[in-house]
Amino acid sequence: MNAMNTANAASAGEVSVTFVNVDAEKTVLGAILQGGEAALDELTERDFFRPEHRAMFRAAQELRREGQAIDLMTLGNRLAERQELEASGGAAYLLECFRCVPTLANSRSYIGIVRECARRRELRQMLQTAAGNIGQQNADQVVDELLSSLRGLSVGPASWMDFQEIMSRTFDHLDGVANGKIQTISTGLADLDAVFGLRKGEVTTIAAGPGQGKSAMAWHIGRTAAQRGFRVALISLEMSEEQYGMRALSSLTGIPMERIVSARGLTAEQWTAIGDAMNAARLPFCVTTRISTVEQARREAMRMEKLDLLIVDYIQIMDTVRRIDNEHLRISAITRQLKALSRELNIPIIMLSQFKRLPAGQRPTLNDLKESGSIENDSDNVILLYKPQGPYDENIPGPYAGWYEQAEAREQRFLLLEVAKQRMGKVRTVAAVFDPARMRFYTPKAENRRNGSAEN
């Protein structure tokens, strides 16, 4: 440690040189005075430790915004106008900073040192704040707030992107998707994929009444994504891991659920099929039933090394560590945090939701979502899953004519999937068939629709 840094550290209350490098700050300011303005783009006033350095940097930013030159005279005059010149060490200190610069070619190295020290100070403050909150707040709250702060520190300060750069990135993304270089997450239902997409940073709500198949649909989408190599995590607050395992075996083998649950009536061929399914089930798909709060969900998701899709089953029975008596505000706190999480991790999140109790045969709308205000507002997309009133229900799109009766004949369920809200597309209605005995969803192929036969 040189004498100058030691003296400055001592005068600042014994701040370690690990957190402050006065020489680097002076060199950066000197580089600005010599015409090297990169620091004005890459640093902020808060990155400087000494108050006089902050004042000098702030004055330099003002001069650049006004289109004026930045040199010893203009910067000294601006500081004098603000009555900050003497507090900043006077003209002599400006000259000292000017002379500190060995070469402008190394200015980015000096900028990096200043930024690194600033981030270390910010990290130390975060940890000290978290330590001070222990004992005053719920431990989950302390951890959640600390993780959020750390996430912000890792991302760095907000930055502006030129519109040309935005368009260039957009074109590269579209080109990648068109050429197959970028894989998109499929729902596993061809007709739904044709009108809707699971996009990064978006929250999609799938809503249905009790027993209508929303959990089975969540499993179907998750399994499809995992089979294509995407890492999927499913938080279940309604079923156990074993129940999901049985559903998975039924879906993968085609063996009815009741046969798998009883187990004793399985044939040798069915046991072989189960064994084959076990070997095929090595997918990047994990399930937990031990998360009860949105704060836990956020924390665990952020800890995962890689995550492409998160599914929450279901939103009304998720909780929060915050003490909120009003049910609407409780749901709002949960959906708002899940929306923020999707943006932070840049992944799609699927929230399952229930409808309010509806009269028999009534077509659901967005207003029928439980606590619909917050769920609808925080969702980029909403899909309403429901069974039509009958084969002649006016809500059944024309291409699906006749499929209601065929599904009923097979003891399956013909369901409408109404994309009632879509931020990046139109609202549409498509259909799918749900086989509750085998926990399967499928979309009949177009040619089979025309000739009247169904295909799994």
Protein backbone atom coordinates (compact mmCIF):
# COMPACT_ATOMS: atom_id res chain seq x y z
CA MET A 1 0.00 0.00 0.00
CA ASN A 2 1.50 3.37 -0.96
CA ALA A 3 1.53 6.36 1.38
CA MET A 4 -1.25 8.22 -0.44
CA ASN A 5 -3.71 5.30 -0.34
CA THR A 6 -2.82 4.60 3.28
CA ALA A 7 -3.46 8.20 4.27
CA ASN A 8 -6.75 8.35 2.40
CA ALA A 9 -7.89 5.05 3.88
CA ALA A 10 -7.13 6.30 7.36
CA SER A 11 -8.92 9.60 6.82
CA ALA A 12 -11.99 7.74 5.58
CA GLY A 13 -12.31 5.76 8.80
CA GLU A 14 -9.75 3.03 8.16
CA VAL A 15 -11.31 1.89 4.88
CA SER A 16 -9.22 -0.96 3.46
CA VAL A 17 -7.37 -0.36 0.21
CA THR A 18 -9.28 -3.40 -1.11
CA PHE A 19 -12.34 -1.18 -1.29
CA VAL A 20 -10.74 2.13 -2.31
CA ASN A 21 -8.04 3.01 -4.83
CA VAL A 22 -7.57 6.76 -4.76
CA ASP A 23 -4.77 6.71 -7.34
CA ALA A 24 -7.04 4.93 -9.85
CA GLU A 25 -9.81 7.49 -9.24
CA LYS A 26 -7.36 10.37 -9.81
CA THR A 27 -6.00 8.73 -12.96
CA VAL A 28 -9.49 8.28 -14.39
CA LEU A 29 -10.29 11.94 -13.75
CA GLY A 30 -6.96 12.94 -15.26
CA ALA A 31 -7.76 10.90 -18.37
CA ILE A 32 -11.07 12.77 -18.71
CA LEU A 33 -9.16 16.06 -18.50
CA GLN A 34 -6.88 14.83 -21.29
CA GLY A 35 -9.78 14.02 -23.61
CA GLY A 36 -10.41 10.38 -22.72
CA GLU A 37 -14.17 10.36 -22.12
CA ALA A 38 -14.77 6.58 -21.91
CA ALA A 39 -15.20 6.84 -18.13
CA LEU A 40 -18.18 9.16 -18.61
CA ASP A 41 -19.95 6.29 -20.42
CA GLU A 42 -18.83 3.42 -18.22
CA LEU A 43 -18.84 4.83 -14.67
CA THR A 44 -21.30 6.69 -12.49
CA GLU A 45 -20.76 9.35 -9.86
CA ARG A 46 -21.36 6.73 -7.14
CA ASP A 47 -18.41 4.67 -8.35
CA PHE A 48 -16.02 7.27 -6.88
CA PHE A 49 -15.27 7.05 -3.16
CA ARG A 50 -13.92 10.53 -2.39
CA PRO A 51 -16.51 13.38 -2.38
CA GLU A 52 -14.18 15.71 -4.30
CA HIS A 53 -13.80 13.08 -7.04
CA ARG A 54 -17.57 12.74 -7.26
CA ALA A 55 -17.89 16.51 -7.63
CA MET A 56 -15.28 16.59 -10.41
CA PHE A 57 -16.92 13.68 -12.27
CA ARG A 58 -20.37 15.28 -11.92
CA ALA A 59 -19.07 18.58 -13.32
CA ALA A 60 -17.43 16.77 -16.26
CA GLN A 61 -20.74 15.04 -17.05
CA GLU A 62 -22.53 18.39 -17.07
CA LEU A 63 -19.98 19.88 -19.47
CA ARG A 64 -20.35 16.97 -21.88
CA ARG A 65 -24.15 17.13 -21.79
CA GLU A 66 -23.88 20.81 -22.73
CA GLY A 67 -21.49 20.04 -25.58
CA GLN A 68 -18.58 21.91 -24.02
CA ALA A 69 -14.92 20.92 -23.98
CA ILE A 70 -13.57 19.30 -20.81
CA ASP A 71 -10.14 20.55 -19.75
CA LEU A 72 -8.40 22.09 -16.75
CA MET A 73 -9.92 25.52 -17.33
CA THR A 74 -13.53 24.54 -18.13
CA LEU A 75 -13.74 21.98 -15.34
CA GLY A 76 -12.20 24.42 -12.84
CA ASN A 77 -14.65 27.15 -13.86
CA ARG A 78 -17.64 24.78 -13.54
CA LEU A 79 -16.56 23.69 -10.07
CA ALA A 80 -16.07 27.35 -9.10
CA GLU A 81 -19.58 28.20 -10.36
CA ARG A 82 -20.93 25.42 -8.17
CA GLN A 83 -18.78 26.62 -5.26
CA GLU A 84 -17.09 23.23 -5.16
CA LEU A 85 -13.59 24.13 -6.43
CA GLU A 86 -11.97 24.69 -3.04
CA ALA A 87 -13.66 21.62 -1.53
CA SER A 88 -12.26 19.65 -4.48
CA GLY A 89 -8.69 20.68 -3.72
CA GLY A 90 -8.54 23.74 -5.96
CA ALA A 91 -6.86 24.17 -9.35
CA ALA A 92 -3.70 22.57 -7.99
CA TYR A 93 -5.50 19.28 -7.33
CA LEU A 94 -7.00 19.30 -10.84
CA LEU A 95 -3.49 19.67 -12.23
CA GLU A 96 -2.28 16.85 -9.98
CA CYS A 97 -4.96 14.54 -11.42
CA PHE A 98 -4.03 15.66 -14.94
CA ARG A 99 -0.41 14.66 -14.33
CA CYS A 100 -1.35 11.25 -12.84
CA VAL A 101 -2.05 9.69 -16.23
CA PRO A 102 0.88 7.57 -17.49
CA THR A 103 -0.86 6.97 -20.84
CA LEU A 104 -4.42 7.26 -22.15
CA ALA A 105 -3.99 3.84 -23.78
CA ASN A 106 -4.46 2.22 -20.35
CA SER A 107 -7.51 4.27 -19.33
CA ARG A 108 -9.87 1.26 -19.47
CA SER A 109 -7.69 -0.56 -16.96
CA TYR A 110 -8.02 2.37 -14.55
CA ILE A 111 -11.78 2.45 -15.15
CA GLY A 112 -11.95 -1.26 -14.32
CA ILE A 113 -10.12 -0.74 -11.02
CA VAL A 114 -12.50 2.06 -9.98
CA ARG A 115 -15.56 0.00 -10.91
CA GLU A 116 -14.28 -3.09 -9.10
CA CYS A 117 -13.66 -1.15 -5.89
CA ALA A 118 -17.12 0.42 -6.12
CA ARG A 119 -18.77 -2.96 -6.52
CA ARG A 120 -16.86 -4.32 -3.54
CA ARG A 121 -18.07 -1.42 -1.40
CA GLU A 122 -21.64 -1.98 -2.58
CA LEU A 123 -21.40 -5.70 -1.84
CA ARG A 124 -20.04 -5.00 1.63
CA GLN A 125 -22.93 -2.62 2.30
CA MET A 126 -25.46 -5.23 1.17
CA LEU A 127 -23.98 -7.85 3.49
CA GLN A 128 -23.87 -5.40 6.41
CA THR A 129 -27.52 -4.46 5.81
CA ALA A 130 -28.53 -8.13 5.67
CA ALA A 131 -26.61 -8.83 8.89
CA GLY A 132 -28.36 -5.91 10.58
CA ASN A 133 -31.77 -7.22 9.49
CA ILE A 134 -31.21 -10.65 11.04
CA GLY A 135 -33.34 -10.84 14.14
CA GLN A 136 -35.56 -7.97 12.99
CA GLN A 137 -37.07 -9.68 9.94
CA ASN A 138 -38.11 -13.16 8.96
CA ALA A 139 -35.05 -15.11 7.78
CA ASP A 140 -36.68 -15.81 4.40
CA GLN A 141 -37.26 -12.08 3.89
CA VAL A 142 -33.64 -11.30 4.70
CA VAL A 143 -32.39 -13.93 2.26
CA ASP A 144 -34.83 -12.86 -0.46
CA GLU A 145 -33.89 -9.19 -0.17
CA LEU A 146 -30.18 -10.06 -0.18
CA LEU A 147 -30.54 -12.26 -3.27
CA SER A 148 -32.44 -9.51 -5.08
CA SER A 149 -29.71 -7.00 -4.20
CA LEU A 150 -26.98 -9.40 -5.30
CA ARG A 151 -28.81 -10.04 -8.55
CA GLY A 152 -28.87 -6.31 -9.23
CA LEU A 153 -25.17 -6.06 -8.42
CA SER A 154 -24.31 -8.88 -10.83
CA VAL A 155 -26.33 -7.30 -13.62
CA GLY A 156 -24.76 -3.89 -13.02
CA PRO A 157 -26.32 -0.46 -13.51
CA ALA A 158 -29.16 0.04 -15.96
CA SER A 159 -27.93 0.74 -19.47
CA TRP A 160 -29.54 2.20 -22.56
CA MET A 161 -29.49 0.33 -25.83
CA ASP A 162 -29.48 2.12 -29.16
CA PHE A 163 -32.57 1.30 -31.23
CA GLN A 164 -30.40 0.13 -34.12
CA GLU A 165 -28.80 -2.41 -31.77
CA ILE A 166 -32.26 -3.55 -30.64
CA MET A 167 -33.32 -4.12 -34.25
CA SER A 168 -30.07 -5.93 -35.03
CA ARG A 169 -30.55 -8.30 -32.09
CA THR A 170 -34.18 -8.85 -33.05
CA PHE A 171 -33.19 -9.77 -36.60
CA ASP A 172 -30.51 -12.17 -35.34
CA HIS A 173 -33.09 -13.82 -33.07
CA LEU A 174 -35.65 -14.22 -35.87
CA ASP A 175 -32.97 -15.54 -38.23
CA GLY A 176 -31.85 -18.03 -35.59
CA VAL A 177 -35.40 -19.29 -35.02
CA ALA A 178 -36.09 -19.53 -38.77
CA ASN A 179 -32.88 -21.50 -39.39
CA GLY A 180 -33.33 -23.76 -36.38
CA LYS A 181 -30.28 -22.37 -34.57
CA ILE A 182 -32.50 -21.12 -31.74
CA GLN A 183 -34.97 -23.66 -30.34
CA THR A 184 -38.30 -22.39 -29.05
CA ILE A 185 -40.26 -24.13 -26.31
CA SER A 186 -43.21 -26.07 -27.70
CA THR A 187 -46.38 -26.77 -25.75
CA GLY A 188 -46.60 -30.19 -27.38
CA LEU A 189 -49.93 -29.21 -28.95
CA ALA A 190 -49.53 -28.31 -32.61
CA ASP A 191 -52.62 -26.14 -32.89
CA LEU A 192 -51.72 -24.16 -29.78
CA ASP A 193 -48.14 -23.70 -30.97
CA ALA A 194 -49.51 -22.28 -34.24
CA VAL A 195 -51.16 -19.33 -32.45
CA PHE A 196 -49.15 -18.95 -29.26
CA GLY A 197 -45.58 -19.17 -27.99
CA LEU A 198 -43.76 -19.49 -24.66
CA ARG A 199 -41.32 -16.59 -24.76
CA LYS A 200 -38.47 -15.61 -22.47
CA GLY A 201 -39.32 -13.07 -19.80
CA GLU A 202 -43.07 -13.67 -20.09
CA VAL A 203 -45.59 -15.09 -17.62
CA THR A 204 -48.36 -17.30 -18.99
CA THR A 205 -51.37 -18.20 -16.87
CA ILE A 206 -53.30 -21.38 -17.67
CA ALA A 207 -56.65 -21.29 -15.90
CA ALA A 208 -59.25 -24.01 -15.49
CA GLY A 209 -61.86 -25.27 -13.09
CA PRO A 210 -61.13 -28.05 -10.55
CA GLY A 211 -60.46 -31.39 -12.21
CA GLN A 212 -60.38 -29.97 -15.74
CA GLY A 213 -56.79 -31.05 -16.47
CA LYS A 214 -54.65 -27.98 -15.80
CA SER A 215 -52.05 -29.95 -13.82
CA ALA A 216 -51.97 -32.61 -16.52
CA MET A 217 -51.48 -29.91 -19.13
CA ALA A 218 -48.64 -28.40 -17.10
CA TRP A 219 -46.97 -31.82 -16.97
CA HIS A 220 -47.53 -32.27 -20.72
CA ILE A 221 -45.89 -28.93 -21.57
CA GLY A 222 -43.02 -29.52 -19.15
CA ARG A 223 -42.34 -33.02 -20.45
CA THR A 224 -42.39 -31.83 -24.07
CA ALA A 225 -39.91 -29.06 -23.27
CA ALA A 226 -37.62 -31.46 -21.36
CA GLN A 227 -37.69 -33.98 -24.20
CA ARG A 228 -36.28 -31.23 -26.42
CA GLY A 229 -33.43 -30.54 -24.03
CA PHE A 230 -34.85 -27.61 -22.05
CA ARG A 231 -34.31 -27.57 -18.29
CA VAL A 232 -37.72 -27.52 -16.58
CA ALA A 233 -38.67 -27.03 -12.93
CA LEU A 234 -42.20 -27.63 -11.63
CA ILE A 235 -43.40 -26.44 -8.23
CA SER A 236 -46.43 -28.42 -7.10
CA LEU A 237 -48.43 -27.28 -4.08
CA GLU A 238 -51.22 -29.77 -4.73
CA MET A 239 -49.70 -33.20 -5.42
CA SER A 240 -46.80 -35.29 -4.15
CA GLU A 241 -43.77 -36.35 -6.17
CA GLU A 242 -45.14 -39.91 -6.25
CA GLN A 243 -48.44 -38.73 -7.73
CA TYR A 244 -46.55 -36.89 -10.46
CA GLY A 245 -44.47 -40.02 -11.00
CA MET A 246 -47.58 -42.15 -11.50
CA ARG A 247 -49.05 -39.60 -13.89
CA ALA A 248 -45.78 -39.57 -15.80
CA LEU A 249 -45.72 -43.36 -16.12
CA SER A 250 -49.32 -43.41 -17.33
CA SER A 251 -48.56 -40.73 -19.91
CA LEU A 252 -45.33 -42.34 -21.12
CA THR A 253 -46.62 -45.93 -21.27
CA GLY A 254 -50.27 -45.46 -22.15
CA ILE A 255 -51.26 -47.66 -19.19
CA PRO A 256 -54.42 -46.35 -17.49
CA MET A 257 -53.80 -44.50 -14.24
CA GLU A 258 -55.99 -46.77 -12.15
CA ARG A 259 -53.94 -49.82 -13.24
CA ILE A 260 -50.68 -48.09 -12.27
CA VAL A 261 -52.06 -46.92 -8.92
CA SER A 262 -53.24 -50.43 -7.99
CA ALA A 263 -50.01 -51.99 -9.41
CA ARG A 264 -51.10 -55.55 -8.58
CA GLY A 265 -53.09 -55.97 -11.78
CA LEU A 266 -50.24 -55.08 -14.13
CA THR A 267 -49.31 -57.62 -16.79
CA ALA A 268 -45.76 -58.67 -17.65
CA GLU A 269 -45.93 -56.58 -20.82
CA GLN A 270 -47.02 -53.54 -18.80
CA TRP A 271 -44.14 -54.03 -16.35
CA THR A 272 -41.80 -54.15 -19.33
CA ALA A 273 -43.32 -50.92 -20.65
CA ILE A 274 -42.82 -49.30 -17.24
CA GLY A 275 -39.20 -50.42 -17.24
CA ASP A 276 -38.69 -48.93 -20.70
CA ALA A 277 -40.32 -45.69 -19.54
CA MET A 278 -37.97 -45.52 -16.56
CA ASN A 279 -35.01 -45.65 -18.92
CA ALA A 280 -36.57 -43.02 -21.19
CA ALA A 281 -37.41 -40.74 -18.27
CA ARG A 282 -33.90 -39.33 -17.83
CA LEU A 283 -35.04 -35.85 -18.69
CA PRO A 284 -33.89 -32.41 -17.45
CA PHE A 285 -37.15 -32.10 -15.51
CA CYS A 286 -37.26 -31.62 -11.73
CA VAL A 287 -40.29 -31.43 -9.42
CA THR A 288 -40.61 -30.17 -5.87
CA THR A 289 -43.57 -30.24 -3.49
CA ARG A 290 -41.65 -28.68 -0.61
CA ILE A 291 -41.86 -25.03 -1.66
CA SER A 292 -44.79 -23.18 -0.14
CA THR A 293 -43.96 -19.47 -0.60
CA VAL A 294 -43.12 -17.34 -3.61
CA GLU A 295 -39.99 -16.19 -1.80
CA GLN A 296 -38.79 -19.80 -1.57
CA ALA A 297 -39.63 -20.32 -5.23
CA ARG A 298 -37.65 -17.24 -6.20
CA ARG A 299 -34.68 -18.24 -4.09
CA GLU A 300 -34.51 -21.82 -5.40
CA ALA A 301 -34.98 -20.78 -9.03
CA MET A 302 -32.16 -18.25 -8.78
CA ARG A 303 -29.88 -20.90 -7.28
CA MET A 304 -30.37 -23.31 -10.20
CA GLU A 305 -27.40 -23.40 -12.52
CA LYS A 306 -29.62 -23.52 -15.61
CA LEU A 307 -33.36 -23.10 -15.96
CA ASP A 308 -35.39 -22.69 -19.14
CA LEU A 309 -38.98 -23.02 -17.90
CA LEU A 310 -40.63 -22.72 -14.47
CA ILE A 311 -44.15 -24.01 -13.78
CA VAL A 312 -46.15 -23.15 -10.63
CA ASP A 313 -49.11 -25.40 -9.78
CA TYR A 314 -51.10 -23.51 -8.64
CA ILE A 315 -51.17 -19.83 -7.75
CA GLN A 316 -54.11 -19.63 -5.30
CA ILE A 317 -52.52 -22.05 -2.82
CA MET A 318 -49.05 -20.49 -2.98
CA ASP A 319 -48.19 -18.25 -0.04
CA THR A 320 -45.87 -15.36 0.82
CA VAL A 321 -43.81 -14.66 3.93
CA ARG A 322 -45.31 -11.19 4.03
CA ARG A 323 -48.15 -10.69 6.47
CA ILE A 324 -51.08 -9.84 4.20
CA ASP A 325 -54.64 -10.40 5.36
CA ASN A 326 -56.37 -9.31 2.15
CA GLU A 327 -56.57 -12.20 -0.34
CA HIS A 328 -56.41 -9.93 -3.38
CA LEU A 329 -53.26 -8.22 -2.10
CA ARG A 330 -51.72 -11.59 -1.21
CA ILE A 331 -52.19 -12.91 -4.76
CA SER A 332 -50.93 -9.60 -6.14
CA ALA A 333 -47.71 -9.89 -4.11
CA ILE A 334 -47.16 -13.40 -5.46
CA THR A 335 -47.87 -12.69 -9.13
CA ARG A 336 -45.79 -9.52 -9.05
CA GLN A 337 -42.76 -11.43 -7.72
CA LEU A 338 -43.17 -14.20 -10.30
CA LYS A 339 -43.35 -11.60 -13.06
CA ALA A 340 -40.16 -9.98 -11.77
CA LEU A 341 -38.50 -13.40 -11.60
CA SER A 342 -39.32 -14.18 -15.23
CA ARG A 343 -37.65 -10.92 -16.26
CA GLU A 344 -34.61 -11.40 -14.04
CA LEU A 345 -33.94 -14.98 -15.18
CA ASN A 346 -35.15 -14.26 -18.72
CA ILE A 347 -37.29 -17.41 -18.83
CA PRO A 348 -40.96 -18.16 -19.42
CA ILE A 349 -43.00 -18.93 -16.30
CA ILE A 350 -46.32 -20.78 -16.36
CA MET A 351 -48.73 -20.07 -13.50
CA LEU A 352 -51.71 -22.36 -13.10
CA SER A 353 -54.88 -20.78 -11.74
CA GLN A 354 -58.41 -21.75 -10.85
CA PHE A 355 -61.63 -20.13 -11.97
CA LYS A 356 -64.20 -18.79 -9.59
CA ARG A 357 -67.21 -21.06 -9.21
CA LEU A 358 -69.17 -20.81 -12.45
CA PRO A 359 -72.74 -21.84 -13.23
CA ALA A 360 -72.86 -25.09 -15.21
CA GLY A 361 -72.27 -24.51 -18.90
CA GLN A 362 -71.10 -20.91 -18.57
CA ARG A 363 -68.15 -19.94 -20.76
CA PRO A 364 -65.33 -18.54 -18.59
CA THR A 365 -63.77 -15.12 -19.18
CA LEU A 366 -60.78 -13.26 -17.77
CA ASN A 367 -63.06 -11.87 -15.07
CA ASP A 368 -63.64 -15.39 -13.79
CA LEU A 369 -60.04 -15.81 -12.67
CA LYS A 370 -59.82 -15.90 -8.89
CA GLU A 371 -58.37 -12.52 -7.86
CA SER A 372 -58.46 -11.76 -11.58
CA GLY A 373 -57.07 -8.22 -11.41
CA SER A 374 -53.53 -9.07 -10.35
CA ILE A 375 -53.31 -12.35 -12.26
CA GLU A 376 -54.46 -10.77 -15.51
CA ASN A 377 -52.30 -7.67 -15.07
CA ASP A 378 -49.10 -9.58 -14.27
CA SER A 379 -49.63 -12.17 -17.00
CA ASP A 380 -48.36 -11.57 -20.51
CA ASN A 381 -50.59 -14.37 -21.75
CA VAL A 382 -53.70 -16.08 -20.37
CA ILE A 383 -55.11 -19.38 -21.63
CA LEU A 384 -58.58 -20.42 -20.46
CA LEU A 385 -59.04 -24.20 -20.47
CA TYR A 386 -62.62 -25.46 -20.39
CA LYS A 387 -65.05 -28.03 -21.74
CA PRO A 388 -67.74 -26.70 -24.11
CA GLN A 389 -71.41 -27.16 -23.25
CA GLY A 390 -71.90 -29.77 -25.95
CA PRO A 391 -71.08 -30.76 -29.53
CA TYR A 392 -72.95 -27.75 -30.91
CA ASP A 393 -71.45 -25.12 -28.61
CA GLU A 394 -71.00 -21.96 -30.68
CA ASN A 395 -67.52 -21.46 -29.20
CA ILE A 396 -66.15 -24.58 -30.92
CA PRO A 397 -64.14 -23.47 -33.98
CA GLY A 398 -65.25 -24.97 -37.29
CA PRO A 399 -62.22 -27.23 -37.90
CA TYR A 400 -63.07 -29.18 -34.75
CA ALA A 401 -66.62 -30.10 -35.72
CA GLY A 402 -67.43 -33.68 -34.71
CA TRP A 403 -64.55 -34.04 -32.28
CA TYR A 404 -66.64 -33.52 -29.17
CA GLU A 405 -68.68 -36.64 -29.88
CA GLN A 406 -65.63 -38.73 -30.80
CA ALA A 407 -63.84 -37.74 -27.61
CA GLU A 408 -66.90 -38.61 -25.52
CA ALA A 409 -67.18 -41.98 -27.26
CA ARG A 410 -63.59 -42.74 -26.21
CA GLU A 411 -64.27 -41.58 -22.63
CA GLN A 412 -61.95 -38.68 -23.26
CA ARG A 413 -62.51 -34.96 -22.87
CA PHE A 414 -62.73 -32.43 -25.70
CA LEU A 415 -61.43 -29.11 -24.34
CA LEU A 416 -61.20 -25.60 -25.69
CA LEU A 417 -58.01 -23.61 -25.13
CA GLU A 418 -58.92 -19.96 -25.42
CA VAL A 419 -55.92 -17.65 -25.67
CA ALA A 420 -57.81 -14.82 -23.99
CA LYS A 421 -54.79 -12.52 -23.63
CA GLN A 422 -51.58 -12.49 -25.63
CA ARG A 423 -49.15 -9.59 -25.44
CA MET A 424 -47.40 -10.47 -28.69
CA GLY A 425 -50.30 -11.84 -30.71
CA LYS A 426 -54.02 -12.15 -31.29
CA VAL A 427 -56.58 -13.81 -29.06
CA ARG A 428 -57.58 -17.16 -30.54
CA THR A 429 -59.36 -20.37 -29.60
CA VAL A 430 -58.04 -23.83 -30.42
CA ALA A 431 -58.90 -27.27 -29.09
CA ALA A 432 -57.24 -30.39 -27.74
CA VAL A 433 -58.32 -33.77 -26.46
CA PHE A 434 -57.51 -34.86 -22.91
CA ASP A 435 -57.35 -38.53 -22.05
CA PRO A 436 -57.73 -38.54 -18.24
CA ALA A 437 -57.16 -42.29 -17.96
CA ARG A 438 -53.66 -41.94 -19.40
CA MET A 439 -52.98 -38.30 -18.50
CA ARG A 440 -52.38 -37.36 -22.14
CA PHE A 441 -53.19 -34.29 -24.19
CA TYR A 442 -53.11 -34.41 -27.94
CA THR A 443 -54.14 -32.41 -30.98
CA PRO A 444 -55.82 -34.47 -33.72
CA LYS A 445 -53.91 -34.23 -36.97
CA ALA A 446 -55.51 -32.08 -39.64
CA GLU A 447 -55.97 -34.93 -42.10
CA ASN A 448 -57.66 -37.03 -39.43
CA ARG A 449 -60.02 -34.19 -38.62
CA ARG A 450 -61.18 -34.17 -42.20
CA ASN A 451 -61.76 -37.91 -42.45
CA GLY A 452 -63.25 -38.21 -38.96
CA SER A 453 -60.73 -40.47 -37.22
CA ALA A 454 -58.82 -39.72 -34.06
CA GLU A 455 -55.16 -40.34 -33.45
CA ASN A 456 -53.13 -40.34 -30.25
